[in-house]
Amino acid sequence: MPIESPLIIGVDIGGSKVAAGVVDSSGQIRNSVRVAMNVENGAAGLAVVKTAIESVWDAAKLGGRMAGAIRGIGICAPGPLDPDGGVILNPPNLPCWRGFPLRDEISQAYGVTVRLDNDGNAAALAEALWGAGRGYRNVFYAAIGTGIGTGIIFDRRIYHGRTGAAGEGGHVSIDYRGPRCHCGKQGCIEVLASGPAIARRAAERIAGGRTSAILTQAGGNVEGITADMVGRAYAEGDSLAAEVLQETATFLSVWLGNIVDLIEPDVIVIGGGAAPLMKPFFQKIREQLPQWSINPGCQEIPIVSAHYGEQAGIAGAAALLLDTSSCA
């Protein structure tokens, strides 16, 4: 039986889940699985990752693919990590791993090439190679969700910086007197424009006496308000929801103005769970850019929705095997 074109297994590790899938050379995810992460200790966490890998590997063989068609395994995880050494350093939501040589552990277990990188970097690469950034040389990617993760792609390669820690755009501060981020800095874009930040600002205004359909959706519980509820209320014409999202768009405009002045990408790709919430405001963000960027061509840079949704990590992890700047 002839061996078909090589496939890559992409593994997306988070604090609560491990998702894995088989990805082909065009970026299509052929099959995938999602399992609960175990952060009790290093061995338990590693066992979950292996379970996810073996599940999709077996599915590839059952689908008629020979084991030899698996070219390698790409892994993305929250930082900080060392992509060059393949080591998980000390991510807050993966307490089971501190200085853990995950790349080498997986490579020894399966005998294939393994690469490891930050989840924001990986998703950015997938968008540049196969998604909304395809055809552009330089891509800035932002995932707006529980936090804000970013990745910078120059000439189809991840920009890692001197030590591999570059690309933490979510922790660029736009207000040194603003609320304190969990990273310790004040006024990071993450603490101002992420999903929880959107929910927090809406809740604060409702707690202060403002009326809104958002509270009805939360069953009268201010503490139960989520960004999704703000989005649904906005779609129904709720004025407070519109106010909060317009404010979020302004925060993003200030931030992206700085990004444009710093790296002048060819395209800005917005993904993450809260991206659909902000999509109606992309045009507003572009209109506001000249207030926050000195680049005369700032409005010429497209702001587009990411191609990959919740499986961006799987596609991104697989894309690491095609990135010549990633670690060997």
C-alpha atoms as a PDB file:
ATOM      1  CA  MET A   1       0.000   0.000   0.000  1.00  0.00           C
ATOM      2  CA  PRO A   2       1.538   3.354  -0.969  1.00  0.00           C
ATOM      3  CA  ILE A   3       2.147   5.889   1.740  1.00  0.00           C
ATOM      4  CA  GLU A   4       0.055   9.000   1.248  1.00  0.00           C
ATOM      5  CA  SER A   5       1.323  12.550   1.617  1.00  0.00           C
ATOM      6  CA  PRO A   6       2.716  13.373   5.065  1.00  0.00           C
ATOM      7  CA  LEU A   7       0.416  14.407   7.868  1.00  0.00           C
ATOM      8  CA  ILE A   8       1.186  16.302  11.046  1.00  0.00           C
ATOM      9  CA  ILE A   9      -0.324  15.886  14.490  1.00  0.00           C
ATOM     10  CA  GLY A  10      -1.087  19.222  16.135  1.00  0.00           C
ATOM     11  CA  VAL A  11      -1.532  19.363  19.917  1.00  0.00           C
ATOM     12  CA  ASP A  12      -3.040  22.346  21.720  1.00  0.00           C
ATOM     13  CA  ILE A  13      -2.462  22.277  25.487  1.00  0.00           C
ATOM     14  CA  GLY A  14      -4.446  24.476  27.857  1.00  0.00           C
ATOM     15  CA  GLY A  15      -5.049  24.583  31.562  1.00  0.00           C
ATOM     16  CA  SER A  16      -8.287  22.619  31.316  1.00  0.00           C
ATOM     17  CA  LYS A  17      -8.004  20.627  28.079  1.00  0.00           C
ATOM     18  CA  VAL A  18      -5.723  19.059  25.511  1.00  0.00           C
ATOM     19  CA  ALA A  19      -6.938  19.131  21.919  1.00  0.00           C
ATOM     20  CA  ALA A  20      -5.174  17.187  19.180  1.00  0.00           C
ATOM     21  CA  GLY A  21      -5.787  16.620  15.507  1.00  0.00           C
ATOM     22  CA  VAL A  22      -4.284  15.298  12.302  1.00  0.00           C
ATOM     23  CA  VAL A  23      -3.563  18.128   9.864  1.00  0.00           C
ATOM     24  CA  ASP A  24      -2.668  17.818   6.192  1.00  0.00           C
ATOM     25  CA  SER A  25      -0.301  19.968   4.135  1.00  0.00           C
ATOM     26  CA  SER A  26      -3.106  22.374   3.178  1.00  0.00           C
ATOM     27  CA  GLY A  27      -4.017  23.098   6.786  1.00  0.00           C
ATOM     28  CA  GLN A  28      -7.164  20.976   6.836  1.00  0.00           C
ATOM     29  CA  ILE A  29      -7.858  19.239  10.146  1.00  0.00           C
ATOM     30  CA  ARG A  30      -8.788  15.656   9.251  1.00  0.00           C
ATOM     31  CA  ASN A  31      -9.848  14.455  12.685  1.00  0.00           C
ATOM     32  CA  SER A  32      -9.550  15.773  16.213  1.00  0.00           C
ATOM     33  CA  VAL A  33     -10.109  14.919  19.846  1.00  0.00           C
ATOM     34  CA  ARG A  34     -10.450  16.918  23.042  1.00  0.00           C
ATOM     35  CA  VAL A  35      -9.650  15.515  26.491  1.00  0.00           C
ATOM     36  CA  ALA A  36      -9.578  17.015  29.974  1.00  0.00           C
ATOM     37  CA  MET A  37      -6.142  18.138  31.162  1.00  0.00           C
ATOM     38  CA  ASN A  38      -4.766  16.829  34.459  1.00  0.00           C
ATOM     39  CA  VAL A  39      -2.489  19.382  36.157  1.00  0.00           C
ATOM     40  CA  GLU A  40      -1.986  17.324  39.339  1.00  0.00           C
ATOM     41  CA  ASN A  41       1.635  16.555  38.475  1.00  0.00           C
ATOM     42  CA  GLY A  42       4.005  16.360  35.545  1.00  0.00           C
ATOM     43  CA  ALA A  43       3.497  12.668  34.850  1.00  0.00           C
ATOM     44  CA  ALA A  44      -0.293  13.019  34.862  1.00  0.00           C
ATOM     45  CA  GLY A  45      -0.174  15.962  32.483  1.00  0.00           C
ATOM     46  CA  LEU A  46       2.180  14.126  30.128  1.00  0.00           C
ATOM     47  CA  ALA A  47      -0.101  11.075  30.156  1.00  0.00           C
ATOM     48  CA  VAL A  48      -3.050  13.201  28.993  1.00  0.00           C
ATOM     49  CA  VAL A  49      -1.014  14.625  26.119  1.00  0.00           C
ATOM     50  CA  LYS A  50       0.026  11.113  25.049  1.00  0.00           C
ATOM     51  CA  THR A  51      -3.581   9.903  25.210  1.00  0.00           C
ATOM     52  CA  ALA A  52      -4.678  12.697  22.877  1.00  0.00           C
ATOM     53  CA  ILE A  53      -1.813  12.041  20.441  1.00  0.00           C
ATOM     54  CA  GLU A  54      -2.435   8.293  20.317  1.00  0.00           C
ATOM     55  CA  SER A  55      -6.154   8.778  19.790  1.00  0.00           C
ATOM     56  CA  VAL A  56      -5.750  10.834  16.617  1.00  0.00           C
ATOM     57  CA  TRP A  57      -2.781   8.771  15.417  1.00  0.00           C
ATOM     58  CA  ASP A  58      -4.887   5.613  15.661  1.00  0.00           C
ATOM     59  CA  ALA A  59      -7.768   7.360  13.866  1.00  0.00           C
ATOM     60  CA  ALA A  60      -5.398   8.257  11.013  1.00  0.00           C
ATOM     61  CA  LYS A  61      -4.384   4.598  10.634  1.00  0.00           C
ATOM     62  CA  LEU A  62      -7.998   3.430  10.738  1.00  0.00           C
ATOM     63  CA  GLY A  63      -8.781   5.931   8.013  1.00  0.00           C
ATOM     64  CA  GLY A  64      -6.335   4.192   5.706  1.00  0.00           C
ATOM     65  CA  ARG A  65      -3.236   6.236   6.508  1.00  0.00           C
ATOM     66  CA  MET A  66      -0.079   4.333   7.368  1.00  0.00           C
ATOM     67  CA  ALA A  67       1.784   5.288  10.523  1.00  0.00           C
ATOM     68  CA  GLY A  68       4.726   6.375   8.394  1.00  0.00           C
ATOM     69  CA  ALA A  69       2.619   9.178   6.950  1.00  0.00           C
ATOM     70  CA  ILE A  70       2.802  11.039  10.282  1.00  0.00           C
ATOM     71  CA  ARG A  71       5.665  13.443   9.642  1.00  0.00           C
ATOM     72  CA  GLY A  72       5.893  14.935  13.107  1.00  0.00           C
ATOM     73  CA  ILE A  73       4.112  16.427  16.095  1.00  0.00           C
ATOM     74  CA  GLY A  74       3.673  20.118  16.791  1.00  0.00           C
ATOM     75  CA  ILE A  75       2.694  21.298  20.251  1.00  0.00           C
ATOM     76  CA  CYS A  76       1.486  24.699  21.409  1.00  0.00           C
ATOM     77  CA  ALA A  77       0.947  25.741  25.011  1.00  0.00           C
ATOM     78  CA  PRO A  78       0.642  28.907  27.072  1.00  0.00           C
ATOM     79  CA  GLY A  79       3.874  30.713  27.848  1.00  0.00           C
ATOM     80  CA  PRO A  80       6.279  31.326  29.193  1.00  0.00           C
ATOM     81  CA  LEU A  81       8.166  28.563  27.455  1.00  0.00           C
ATOM     82  CA  ASP A  82      11.436  28.083  25.611  1.00  0.00           C
ATOM     83  CA  PRO A  83      10.700  27.205  21.973  1.00  0.00           C
ATOM     84  CA  ASP A  84      14.379  26.732  21.194  1.00  0.00           C
ATOM     85  CA  GLY A  85      14.933  24.190  23.977  1.00  0.00           C
ATOM     86  CA  GLY A  86      11.435  22.727  23.818  1.00  0.00           C
ATOM     87  CA  VAL A  87      10.869  23.372  27.517  1.00  0.00           C
ATOM     88  CA  ILE A  88       7.720  24.481  29.360  1.00  0.00           C
ATOM     89  CA  LEU A  89       8.990  27.072  31.846  1.00  0.00           C
ATOM     90  CA  ASN A  90       6.350  28.216  34.339  1.00  0.00           C
ATOM     91  CA  PRO A  91       2.905  28.947  32.822  1.00  0.00           C
ATOM     92  CA  PRO A  92       0.421  29.943  35.564  1.00  0.00           C
ATOM     93  CA  ASN A  93      -2.340  27.629  34.335  1.00  0.00           C
ATOM     94  CA  LEU A  94      -0.060  24.591  33.959  1.00  0.00           C
ATOM     95  CA  PRO A  95       1.372  24.279  37.492  1.00  0.00           C
ATOM     96  CA  CYS A  96       2.219  20.621  36.843  1.00  0.00           C
ATOM     97  CA  TRP A  97       5.083  21.677  34.593  1.00  0.00           C
ATOM     98  CA  ARG A  98       7.994  23.843  35.678  1.00  0.00           C
ATOM     99  CA  GLY A  99      11.098  23.586  33.526  1.00  0.00           C
ATOM    100  CA  PHE A 100       9.557  20.520  31.883  1.00  0.00           C
ATOM    101  CA  PRO A 101      11.283  19.194  28.695  1.00  0.00           C
ATOM    102  CA  LEU A 102       8.022  18.405  26.912  1.00  0.00           C
ATOM    103  CA  ARG A 103       9.449  18.356  23.393  1.00  0.00           C
ATOM    104  CA  ASP A 104      12.076  15.756  24.248  1.00  0.00           C
ATOM    105  CA  GLU A 105       9.603  13.622  26.217  1.00  0.00           C
ATOM    106  CA  ILE A 106       7.226  13.427  23.249  1.00  0.00           C
ATOM    107  CA  SER A 107      10.013  12.940  20.708  1.00  0.00           C
ATOM    108  CA  GLN A 108      11.423  10.004  22.675  1.00  0.00           C
ATOM    109  CA  ALA A 109       7.987   8.448  23.034  1.00  0.00           C
ATOM    110  CA  TYR A 110       7.060   8.552  19.334  1.00  0.00           C
ATOM    111  CA  GLY A 111      10.327   8.785  17.427  1.00  0.00           C
ATOM    112  CA  VAL A 112       9.299  11.710  15.238  1.00  0.00           C
ATOM    113  CA  THR A 113      10.277  15.363  14.966  1.00  0.00           C
ATOM    114  CA  VAL A 114       8.541  17.458  17.630  1.00  0.00           C
ATOM    115  CA  ARG A 115       8.325  21.227  17.893  1.00  0.00           C
ATOM    116  CA  LEU A 116       6.962  23.361  20.711  1.00  0.00           C
ATOM    117  CA  ASP A 117       5.887  26.999  20.761  1.00  0.00           C
ATOM    118  CA  ASN A 118       3.624  29.545  22.391  1.00  0.00           C
ATOM    119  CA  ASP A 119      -0.043  29.138  21.469  1.00  0.00           C
ATOM    120  CA  GLY A 120      -0.346  32.711  20.155  1.00  0.00           C
ATOM    121  CA  ASN A 121       2.694  32.251  17.917  1.00  0.00           C
ATOM    122  CA  ALA A 122       1.388  28.962  16.596  1.00  0.00           C
ATOM    123  CA  ALA A 123      -2.082  30.287  15.761  1.00  0.00           C
ATOM    124  CA  ALA A 124      -0.498  33.278  14.035  1.00  0.00           C
ATOM    125  CA  LEU A 125       1.577  30.966  11.859  1.00  0.00           C
ATOM    126  CA  ALA A 126      -1.458  28.887  10.876  1.00  0.00           C
ATOM    127  CA  GLU A 127      -3.306  32.038   9.830  1.00  0.00           C
ATOM    128  CA  ALA A 128      -0.277  33.213   7.835  1.00  0.00           C
ATOM    129  CA  LEU A 129       0.232  29.912   6.033  1.00  0.00           C
ATOM    130  CA  TRP A 130      -3.322  28.701   5.531  1.00  0.00           C
ATOM    131  CA  GLY A 131      -5.823  31.182   6.933  1.00  0.00           C
ATOM    132  CA  ALA A 132      -6.846  34.820   6.783  1.00  0.00           C
ATOM    133  CA  GLY A 133      -3.220  35.984   6.521  1.00  0.00           C
ATOM    134  CA  ARG A 134      -2.368  33.810   3.540  1.00  0.00           C
ATOM    135  CA  GLY A 135      -0.727  35.811   0.759  1.00  0.00           C
ATOM    136  CA  TYR A 136       0.688  38.450   3.115  1.00  0.00           C
ATOM    137  CA  ARG A 137       4.374  38.558   4.079  1.00  0.00           C
ATOM    138  CA  ASN A 138       4.006  40.108   7.531  1.00  0.00           C
ATOM    139  CA  VAL A 139       1.077  39.261   9.801  1.00  0.00           C
ATOM    140  CA  PHE A 140       0.029  40.467  13.236  1.00  0.00           C
ATOM    141  CA  TYR A 141      -2.383  38.057  14.928  1.00  0.00           C
ATOM    142  CA  ALA A 142      -4.421  38.700  18.063  1.00  0.00           C
ATOM    143  CA  ALA A 143      -6.658  36.205  19.849  1.00  0.00           C
ATOM    144  CA  ILE A 144      -9.185  38.010  22.035  1.00  0.00           C
ATOM    145  CA  GLY A 145     -10.705  35.683  24.585  1.00  0.00           C
ATOM    146  CA  THR A 146     -10.161  34.999  28.278  1.00  0.00           C
ATOM    147  CA  GLY A 147      -6.898  36.855  27.696  1.00  0.00           C
ATOM    148  CA  ILE A 148      -5.314  38.427  24.650  1.00  0.00           C
ATOM    149  CA  GLY A 149      -2.634  36.384  22.969  1.00  0.00           C
ATOM    150  CA  THR A 150      -0.677  37.585  19.970  1.00  0.00           C
ATOM    151  CA  GLY A 151       1.836  36.418  17.416  1.00  0.00           C
ATOM    152  CA  ILE A 152       4.077  38.207  14.935  1.00  0.00           C
ATOM    153  CA  ILE A 153       4.934  36.654  11.583  1.00  0.00           C
ATOM    154  CA  PHE A 154       7.689  38.133   9.419  1.00  0.00           C
ATOM    155  CA  ASP A 155       8.180  36.546   5.982  1.00  0.00           C
ATOM    156  CA  ARG A 156       6.102  33.507   7.013  1.00  0.00           C
ATOM    157  CA  ARG A 157       8.241  32.920  10.110  1.00  0.00           C
ATOM    158  CA  ILE A 158       7.487  33.460  13.771  1.00  0.00           C
ATOM    159  CA  TYR A 159       9.338  36.365  15.318  1.00  0.00           C
ATOM    160  CA  HIS A 160      10.657  34.990  18.611  1.00  0.00           C
ATOM    161  CA  GLY A 161      12.984  37.752  19.765  1.00  0.00           C
ATOM    162  CA  ARG A 162      16.270  37.199  21.555  1.00  0.00           C
ATOM    163  CA  THR A 163      15.123  34.553  24.047  1.00  0.00           C
ATOM    164  CA  GLY A 164      11.880  33.339  22.489  1.00  0.00           C
ATOM    165  CA  ALA A 165       9.711  35.579  24.661  1.00  0.00           C
ATOM    166  CA  ALA A 166       8.716  38.128  22.000  1.00  0.00           C
ATOM    167  CA  GLY A 167       5.139  38.580  20.825  1.00  0.00           C
ATOM    168  CA  GLU A 168       3.440  39.164  24.186  1.00  0.00           C
ATOM    169  CA  GLY A 169       1.285  41.906  22.668  1.00  0.00           C
ATOM    170  CA  GLY A 170      -1.534  41.307  25.127  1.00  0.00           C
ATOM    171  CA  HIS A 171       0.642  42.812  27.829  1.00  0.00           C
ATOM    172  CA  VAL A 172       1.384  46.055  26.028  1.00  0.00           C
ATOM    173  CA  SER A 173       0.080  48.755  28.365  1.00  0.00           C
ATOM    174  CA  ILE A 174      -1.987  51.616  26.975  1.00  0.00           C
ATOM    175  CA  ASP A 175      -2.778  53.203  30.357  1.00  0.00           C
ATOM    176  CA  TYR A 176      -0.169  53.192  33.118  1.00  0.00           C
ATOM    177  CA  ARG A 177      -2.877  54.271  35.583  1.00  0.00           C
ATOM    178  CA  GLY A 178      -5.306  51.600  34.431  1.00  0.00           C
ATOM    179  CA  PRO A 179      -6.434  48.430  36.226  1.00  0.00           C
ATOM    180  CA  ARG A 180      -3.718  46.001  37.210  1.00  0.00           C
ATOM    181  CA  CYS A 181      -3.317  42.989  34.960  1.00  0.00           C
ATOM    182  CA  HIS A 182      -2.577  39.528  36.386  1.00  0.00           C
ATOM    183  CA  CYS A 183       0.904  39.907  34.877  1.00  0.00           C
ATOM    184  CA  GLY A 184       1.545  42.713  37.376  1.00  0.00           C
ATOM    185  CA  LYS A 185       1.518  45.637  34.953  1.00  0.00           C
ATOM    186  CA  GLN A 186      -1.193  48.286  34.832  1.00  0.00           C
ATOM    187  CA  GLY A 187      -3.365  49.051  31.839  1.00  0.00           C
ATOM    188  CA  CYS A 188      -2.428  46.112  29.621  1.00  0.00           C
ATOM    189  CA  ILE A 189      -4.745  45.728  26.646  1.00  0.00           C
ATOM    190  CA  GLU A 190      -5.657  42.293  28.064  1.00  0.00           C
ATOM    191  CA  VAL A 191      -7.094  43.779  31.253  1.00  0.00           C
ATOM    192  CA  LEU A 192      -9.033  46.361  29.218  1.00  0.00           C
ATOM    193  CA  ALA A 193     -10.341  44.526  26.152  1.00  0.00           C
ATOM    194  CA  SER A 194     -10.424  40.768  26.829  1.00  0.00           C
ATOM    195  CA  GLY A 195     -13.699  38.914  27.322  1.00  0.00           C
ATOM    196  CA  PRO A 196     -13.620  39.167  31.131  1.00  0.00           C
ATOM    197  CA  ALA A 197     -12.764  42.885  30.871  1.00  0.00           C
ATOM    198  CA  ILE A 198     -15.803  43.497  28.687  1.00  0.00           C
ATOM    199  CA  ALA A 199     -18.016  41.654  31.189  1.00  0.00           C
ATOM    200  CA  ARG A 200     -16.441  43.476  34.141  1.00  0.00           C
ATOM    201  CA  ARG A 201     -17.101  46.948  32.743  1.00  0.00           C
ATOM    202  CA  ALA A 202     -20.700  46.083  31.948  1.00  0.00           C
ATOM    203  CA  ALA A 203     -21.217  44.641  35.445  1.00  0.00           C
ATOM    204  CA  GLU A 204     -19.705  47.713  37.109  1.00  0.00           C
ATOM    205  CA  ARG A 205     -22.091  50.049  35.310  1.00  0.00           C
ATOM    206  CA  ILE A 206     -25.108  47.911  36.074  1.00  0.00           C
ATOM    207  CA  ALA A 207     -24.046  47.671  39.733  1.00  0.00           C
ATOM    208  CA  GLY A 208     -23.838  51.469  39.684  1.00  0.00           C
ATOM    209  CA  GLY A 209     -27.510  51.752  38.773  1.00  0.00           C
ATOM    210  CA  ARG A 210     -27.621  51.501  34.969  1.00  0.00           C
ATOM    211  CA  THR A 211     -30.390  49.406  33.456  1.00  0.00           C
ATOM    212  CA  SER A 212     -29.673  46.881  30.741  1.00  0.00           C
ATOM    213  CA  ALA A 213     -30.985  43.716  29.150  1.00  0.00           C
ATOM    214  CA  ILE A 214     -27.636  42.198  30.070  1.00  0.00           C
ATOM    215  CA  LEU A 215     -28.798  41.775  33.658  1.00  0.00           C
ATOM    216  CA  THR A 216     -31.896  39.881  32.523  1.00  0.00           C
ATOM    217  CA  GLN A 217     -29.712  37.472  30.576  1.00  0.00           C
ATOM    218  CA  ALA A 218     -27.630  36.956  33.713  1.00  0.00           C
ATOM    219  CA  GLY A 219     -30.748  36.040  35.693  1.00  0.00           C
ATOM    220  CA  GLY A 220     -30.426  39.150  37.815  1.00  0.00           C
ATOM    221  CA  ASN A 221     -26.955  38.160  39.012  1.00  0.00           C
ATOM    222  CA  VAL A 222     -24.467  40.934  38.240  1.00  0.00           C
ATOM    223  CA  GLU A 223     -21.538  38.638  39.013  1.00  0.00           C
ATOM    224  CA  GLY A 224     -22.803  36.186  36.389  1.00  0.00           C
ATOM    225  CA  ILE A 225     -22.462  38.613  33.484  1.00  0.00           C
ATOM    226  CA  THR A 226     -20.284  37.392  30.604  1.00  0.00           C
ATOM    227  CA  ALA A 227     -18.977  38.969  27.415  1.00  0.00           C
ATOM    228  CA  ASP A 228     -21.315  36.766  25.377  1.00  0.00           C
ATOM    229  CA  MET A 229     -24.262  38.288  27.222  1.00  0.00           C
ATOM    230  CA  VAL A 230     -23.002  41.760  26.353  1.00  0.00           C
ATOM    231  CA  GLY A 231     -22.826  40.699  22.712  1.00  0.00           C
ATOM    232  CA  ARG A 232     -26.360  39.313  22.678  1.00  0.00           C
ATOM    233  CA  ALA A 233     -27.700  42.446  24.324  1.00  0.00           C
ATOM    234  CA  TYR A 234     -25.903  44.581  21.750  1.00  0.00           C
ATOM    235  CA  ALA A 235     -27.540  42.592  18.948  1.00  0.00           C
ATOM    236  CA  GLU A 236     -30.908  43.392  20.532  1.00  0.00           C
ATOM    237  CA  GLY A 237     -30.157  47.117  20.557  1.00  0.00           C
ATOM    238  CA  ASP A 238     -29.174  47.526  24.205  1.00  0.00           C
ATOM    239  CA  SER A 239     -27.552  50.943  24.718  1.00  0.00           C
ATOM    240  CA  LEU A 240     -25.272  49.959  27.610  1.00  0.00           C
ATOM    241  CA  ALA A 241     -23.939  46.972  25.670  1.00  0.00           C
ATOM    242  CA  ALA A 242     -23.239  49.267  22.713  1.00  0.00           C
ATOM    243  CA  GLU A 243     -21.421  51.698  24.996  1.00  0.00           C
ATOM    244  CA  VAL A 244     -19.198  48.987  26.465  1.00  0.00           C
ATOM    245  CA  LEU A 245     -18.309  47.486  23.087  1.00  0.00           C
ATOM    246  CA  GLN A 246     -17.638  50.877  21.512  1.00  0.00           C
ATOM    247  CA  GLU A 247     -15.309  51.641  24.407  1.00  0.00           C
ATOM    248  CA  THR A 248     -13.583  48.305  23.817  1.00  0.00           C
ATOM    249  CA  ALA A 249     -13.145  49.217  20.156  1.00  0.00           C
ATOM    250  CA  THR A 250     -11.453  52.456  21.213  1.00  0.00           C
ATOM    251  CA  PHE A 251      -9.064  50.565  23.503  1.00  0.00           C
ATOM    252  CA  LEU A 252      -8.214  48.246  20.613  1.00  0.00           C
ATOM    253  CA  SER A 253      -7.697  51.233  18.303  1.00  0.00           C
ATOM    254  CA  VAL A 254      -5.168  52.784  20.696  1.00  0.00           C
ATOM    255  CA  TRP A 255      -3.359  49.474  21.032  1.00  0.00           C
ATOM    256  CA  LEU A 256      -3.341  48.640  17.326  1.00  0.00           C
ATOM    257  CA  GLY A 257      -2.161  52.147  16.525  1.00  0.00           C
ATOM    258  CA  ASN A 258       0.935  51.374  18.600  1.00  0.00           C
ATOM    259  CA  ILE A 259       1.329  48.002  16.891  1.00  0.00           C
ATOM    260  CA  VAL A 260       1.146  49.615  13.443  1.00  0.00           C
ATOM    261  CA  ASP A 261       3.735  52.231  14.369  1.00  0.00           C
ATOM    262  CA  LEU A 262       6.045  49.558  15.756  1.00  0.00           C
ATOM    263  CA  ILE A 263       5.939  46.762  13.146  1.00  0.00           C
ATOM    264  CA  GLU A 264       3.619  47.973  10.315  1.00  0.00           C
ATOM    265  CA  PRO A 265       2.145  44.562   9.438  1.00  0.00           C
ATOM    266  CA  ASP A 266       0.587  43.850   6.043  1.00  0.00           C
ATOM    267  CA  VAL A 267      -2.574  42.556   7.717  1.00  0.00           C
ATOM    268  CA  ILE A 268      -4.083  42.354  11.207  1.00  0.00           C
ATOM    269  CA  VAL A 269      -5.918  39.095  11.924  1.00  0.00           C
ATOM    270  CA  ILE A 270      -8.312  38.954  14.877  1.00  0.00           C
ATOM    271  CA  GLY A 271      -9.309  35.596  16.349  1.00  0.00           C
ATOM    272  CA  GLY A 272     -10.297  34.122  19.695  1.00  0.00           C
ATOM    273  CA  GLY A 273     -13.622  33.569  21.380  1.00  0.00           C
ATOM    274  CA  ALA A 274     -14.495  37.272  21.614  1.00  0.00           C
ATOM    275  CA  ALA A 275     -13.581  38.054  17.992  1.00  0.00           C
ATOM    276  CA  PRO A 276     -17.173  37.659  16.689  1.00  0.00           C
ATOM    277  CA  LEU A 277     -18.225  40.103  19.396  1.00  0.00           C
ATOM    278  CA  MET A 278     -15.871  42.774  18.059  1.00  0.00           C
ATOM    279  CA  LYS A 279     -16.225  42.078  14.331  1.00  0.00           C
ATOM    280  CA  PRO A 280     -19.003  44.697  13.903  1.00  0.00           C
ATOM    281  CA  PHE A 281     -16.485  47.271  15.200  1.00  0.00           C
ATOM    282  CA  PHE A 282     -13.578  46.477  12.868  1.00  0.00           C
ATOM    283  CA  GLN A 283     -14.489  49.403  10.604  1.00  0.00           C
ATOM    284  CA  LYS A 284     -14.741  51.728  13.608  1.00  0.00           C
ATOM    285  CA  ILE A 285     -11.282  50.609  14.739  1.00  0.00           C
ATOM    286  CA  ARG A 286      -9.835  51.386  11.305  1.00  0.00           C
ATOM    287  CA  GLU A 287     -11.507  54.787  11.280  1.00  0.00           C
ATOM    288  CA  GLN A 288      -9.951  55.625  14.645  1.00  0.00           C
ATOM    289  CA  LEU A 289      -6.433  54.454  13.784  1.00  0.00           C
ATOM    290  CA  PRO A 290      -5.190  57.845  12.505  1.00  0.00           C
ATOM    291  CA  GLN A 291      -5.783  59.254  16.008  1.00  0.00           C
ATOM    292  CA  TRP A 292      -3.386  56.685  17.482  1.00  0.00           C
ATOM    293  CA  SER A 293      -0.870  56.023  14.706  1.00  0.00           C
ATOM    294  CA  ILE A 294       1.550  58.348  12.960  1.00  0.00           C
ATOM    295  CA  ASN A 295       1.781  55.962  10.015  1.00  0.00           C
ATOM    296  CA  PRO A 296       0.094  57.724   7.058  1.00  0.00           C
ATOM    297  CA  GLY A 297      -0.935  54.370   5.609  1.00  0.00           C
ATOM    298  CA  CYS A 298      -2.433  52.938   8.789  1.00  0.00           C
ATOM    299  CA  GLN A 299      -5.940  52.705   7.324  1.00  0.00           C
ATOM    300  CA  GLU A 300      -4.648  50.724   4.356  1.00  0.00           C
ATOM    301  CA  ILE A 301      -3.899  47.740   6.604  1.00  0.00           C
ATOM    302  CA  PRO A 302      -6.791  45.236   6.499  1.00  0.00           C
ATOM    303  CA  ILE A 303      -8.313  44.100   9.794  1.00  0.00           C
ATOM    304  CA  VAL A 304      -9.853  40.686   9.183  1.00  0.00           C
ATOM    305  CA  SER A 305     -11.420  37.814  11.102  1.00  0.00           C
ATOM    306  CA  ALA A 306      -9.308  34.710  11.658  1.00  0.00           C
ATOM    307  CA  HIS A 307     -10.019  31.646   9.539  1.00  0.00           C
ATOM    308  CA  TYR A 308      -9.548  29.137  12.337  1.00  0.00           C
ATOM    309  CA  GLY A 309     -11.926  29.170  15.281  1.00  0.00           C
ATOM    310  CA  GLU A 310     -11.627  27.010  18.365  1.00  0.00           C
ATOM    311  CA  GLN A 311      -9.270  24.667  16.517  1.00  0.00           C
ATOM    312  CA  ALA A 312      -6.682  27.389  15.858  1.00  0.00           C
ATOM    313  CA  GLY A 313      -4.311  25.742  18.330  1.00  0.00           C
ATOM    314  CA  ILE A 314      -4.387  22.403  16.509  1.00  0.00           C
ATOM    315  CA  ALA A 315      -3.730  23.999  13.128  1.00  0.00           C
ATOM    316  CA  GLY A 316      -1.098  26.284  14.629  1.00  0.00           C
ATOM    317  CA  ALA A 317       0.759  23.477  16.353  1.00  0.00           C
ATOM    318  CA  ALA A 318       0.867  21.533  13.102  1.00  0.00           C
ATOM    319  CA  ALA A 319       2.111  24.625  11.236  1.00  0.00           C
ATOM    320  CA  LEU A 320       5.199  24.645  13.469  1.00  0.00           C
ATOM    321  CA  LEU A 321       6.548  21.705  11.482  1.00  0.00           C
ATOM    322  CA  LEU A 322       6.541  23.910   8.387  1.00  0.00           C
ATOM    323  CA  ASP A 323       8.216  26.913  10.034  1.00  0.00           C
ATOM    324  CA  THR A 324      11.957  26.841   9.383  1.00  0.00           C
ATOM    325  CA  SER A 325      12.578  29.361  12.171  1.00  0.00           C
ATOM    326  CA  SER A 326      11.161  27.065  14.831  1.00  0.00           C
ATOM    327  CA  CYS A 327      13.419  24.862  16.880  1.00  0.00           C
ATOM    328  CA  ALA A 328      14.674  21.611  15.425  1.00  0.00           C
END
